[in-house]
Amino acid sequence: MEHEEQPEHEQQADRMEENADKLEQQSEQLGERIDDIEGDWERKEQDPAVPGAQPDPAEEEEPVAGVNADEELASEEGGP
């Protein structure tokens, strides 16, 4: 059987699909790592033996844009 080479555009499409698969896998791994780190931080916040992990009760937490945003407020303001 003779092996025919794929046209250039098909080869490029194959490479792009492989890259997309790799990026999706890396994205999933990053998401899992973020979840692990958030869980670790939450455990440390609850442990009084971890210095600096507990928020200072005298200080108010400053909101960070996009983090734990109030969905109702965001929709009223036309946010994401």
C-alpha atoms as a PDB file:
ATOM      1  CA  MET A   1       0.000   0.000   0.000  1.00  0.00           C
ATOM      2  CA  GLU A   2       1.283   3.390  -0.951  1.00  0.00           C
ATOM      3  CA  HIS A   3       1.442   6.142   1.732  1.00  0.00           C
ATOM      4  CA  GLU A   4       0.034   9.407   0.511  1.00  0.00           C
ATOM      5  CA  GLU A   5       1.081  12.545   2.312  1.00  0.00           C
ATOM      6  CA  GLN A   6      -1.686  14.730   3.680  1.00  0.00           C
ATOM      7  CA  PRO A   7      -2.107  18.136   2.132  1.00  0.00           C
ATOM      8  CA  GLU A   8      -0.449  20.952   4.095  1.00  0.00           C
ATOM      9  CA  HIS A   9      -3.749  22.354   5.386  1.00  0.00           C
ATOM     10  CA  GLU A  10      -4.712  18.933   6.830  1.00  0.00           C
ATOM     11  CA  GLN A  11      -1.310  18.595   8.506  1.00  0.00           C
ATOM     12  CA  GLN A  12      -1.719  22.064   9.971  1.00  0.00           C
ATOM     13  CA  ALA A  13      -5.249  21.206  11.167  1.00  0.00           C
ATOM     14  CA  ASP A  14      -3.898  18.057  12.853  1.00  0.00           C
ATOM     15  CA  ARG A  15      -1.168  20.053  14.612  1.00  0.00           C
ATOM     16  CA  MET A  16      -3.707  22.633  15.759  1.00  0.00           C
ATOM     17  CA  GLU A  17      -5.984  19.898  17.145  1.00  0.00           C
ATOM     18  CA  GLU A  18      -3.032  18.369  19.035  1.00  0.00           C
ATOM     19  CA  ASN A  19      -2.154  21.800  20.448  1.00  0.00           C
ATOM     20  CA  ALA A  20      -5.775  22.384  21.473  1.00  0.00           C
ATOM     21  CA  ASP A  21      -5.839  19.011  23.261  1.00  0.00           C
ATOM     22  CA  LYS A  22      -2.610  19.826  25.101  1.00  0.00           C
ATOM     23  CA  LEU A  23      -3.924  23.253  26.125  1.00  0.00           C
ATOM     24  CA  GLU A  24      -7.177  21.727  27.390  1.00  0.00           C
ATOM     25  CA  GLN A  25      -5.257  19.181  29.461  1.00  0.00           C
ATOM     26  CA  GLN A  26      -2.987  21.879  30.897  1.00  0.00           C
ATOM     27  CA  SER A  27      -6.017  24.021  31.710  1.00  0.00           C
ATOM     28  CA  GLU A  28      -7.642  21.137  33.597  1.00  0.00           C
ATOM     29  CA  GLN A  29      -4.415  20.454  35.509  1.00  0.00           C
ATOM     30  CA  LEU A  30      -4.110  24.132  36.421  1.00  0.00           C
ATOM     31  CA  GLY A  31      -7.721  24.194  37.620  1.00  0.00           C
ATOM     32  CA  GLU A  32      -7.070  21.166  39.829  1.00  0.00           C
ATOM     33  CA  ARG A  33      -3.921  22.780  41.224  1.00  0.00           C
ATOM     34  CA  ILE A  34      -5.806  25.993  42.000  1.00  0.00           C
ATOM     35  CA  ASP A  35      -8.514  23.995  43.808  1.00  0.00           C
ATOM     36  CA  ASP A  36      -5.845  22.182  45.845  1.00  0.00           C
ATOM     37  CA  ILE A  37      -4.126  25.435  46.797  1.00  0.00           C
ATOM     38  CA  GLU A  38      -7.414  27.108  47.764  1.00  0.00           C
ATOM     39  CA  GLY A  39      -8.311  24.131  49.960  1.00  0.00           C
ATOM     40  CA  ASP A  40      -4.875  24.204  51.576  1.00  0.00           C
ATOM     41  CA  TRP A  41      -5.203  27.931  52.307  1.00  0.00           C
ATOM     42  CA  GLU A  42      -8.687  27.485  53.780  1.00  0.00           C
ATOM     43  CA  ARG A  43      -7.332  24.772  56.115  1.00  0.00           C
ATOM     44  CA  LYS A  44      -4.473  27.050  57.150  1.00  0.00           C
ATOM     45  CA  GLU A  45      -6.884  29.902  57.879  1.00  0.00           C
ATOM     46  CA  GLN A  46      -8.703  27.616  60.334  1.00  0.00           C
ATOM     47  CA  ASP A  47      -5.475  26.514  62.063  1.00  0.00           C
ATOM     48  CA  PRO A  48      -4.365  28.926  64.787  1.00  0.00           C
ATOM     49  CA  ALA A  49      -0.899  27.329  64.688  1.00  0.00           C
ATOM     50  CA  VAL A  50      -0.256  28.860  61.233  1.00  0.00           C
ATOM     51  CA  PRO A  51       0.996  32.410  61.795  1.00  0.00           C
ATOM     52  CA  GLY A  52      -0.375  35.026  59.448  1.00  0.00           C
ATOM     53  CA  ALA A  53      -3.074  32.825  57.947  1.00  0.00           C
ATOM     54  CA  GLN A  54      -5.915  34.184  60.065  1.00  0.00           C
ATOM     55  CA  PRO A  55      -7.272  37.535  58.979  1.00  0.00           C
ATOM     56  CA  ASP A  56      -6.721  40.400  61.403  1.00  0.00           C
ATOM     57  CA  PRO A  57     -10.145  41.085  62.955  1.00  0.00           C
ATOM     58  CA  ALA A  58      -9.303  44.811  63.227  1.00  0.00           C
ATOM     59  CA  GLU A  59      -8.871  45.110  59.465  1.00  0.00           C
ATOM     60  CA  GLU A  60     -11.715  44.965  56.988  1.00  0.00           C
ATOM     61  CA  GLU A  61     -11.200  42.796  53.946  1.00  0.00           C
ATOM     62  CA  GLU A  62     -10.867  44.837  50.784  1.00  0.00           C
ATOM     63  CA  PRO A  63     -12.823  43.371  47.889  1.00  0.00           C
ATOM     64  CA  VAL A  64     -10.824  42.116  44.944  1.00  0.00           C
ATOM     65  CA  ALA A  65     -12.419  42.649  41.550  1.00  0.00           C
ATOM     66  CA  GLY A  66     -13.820  39.411  40.158  1.00  0.00           C
ATOM     67  CA  VAL A  67     -13.150  37.366  43.292  1.00  0.00           C
ATOM     68  CA  ASN A  68     -16.230  36.208  45.198  1.00  0.00           C
ATOM     69  CA  ALA A  69     -18.202  38.909  43.411  1.00  0.00           C
ATOM     70  CA  ASP A  70     -21.829  39.280  44.361  1.00  0.00           C
ATOM     71  CA  GLU A  71     -23.593  37.936  41.254  1.00  0.00           C
ATOM     72  CA  GLU A  72     -26.710  39.984  41.924  1.00  0.00           C
ATOM     73  CA  LEU A  73     -24.664  43.178  42.240  1.00  0.00           C
ATOM     74  CA  ALA A  74     -22.673  42.342  39.117  1.00  0.00           C
ATOM     75  CA  SER A  75     -25.837  41.846  37.078  1.00  0.00           C
ATOM     76  CA  GLU A  76     -27.235  45.163  38.313  1.00  0.00           C
ATOM     77  CA  GLU A  77     -24.034  46.918  37.321  1.00  0.00           C
ATOM     78  CA  GLY A  78     -23.935  45.138  33.973  1.00  0.00           C
ATOM     79  CA  GLY A  79     -20.832  43.162  34.888  1.00  0.00           C
ATOM     80  CA  PRO A  80     -19.866  39.685  33.714  1.00  0.00           C
END
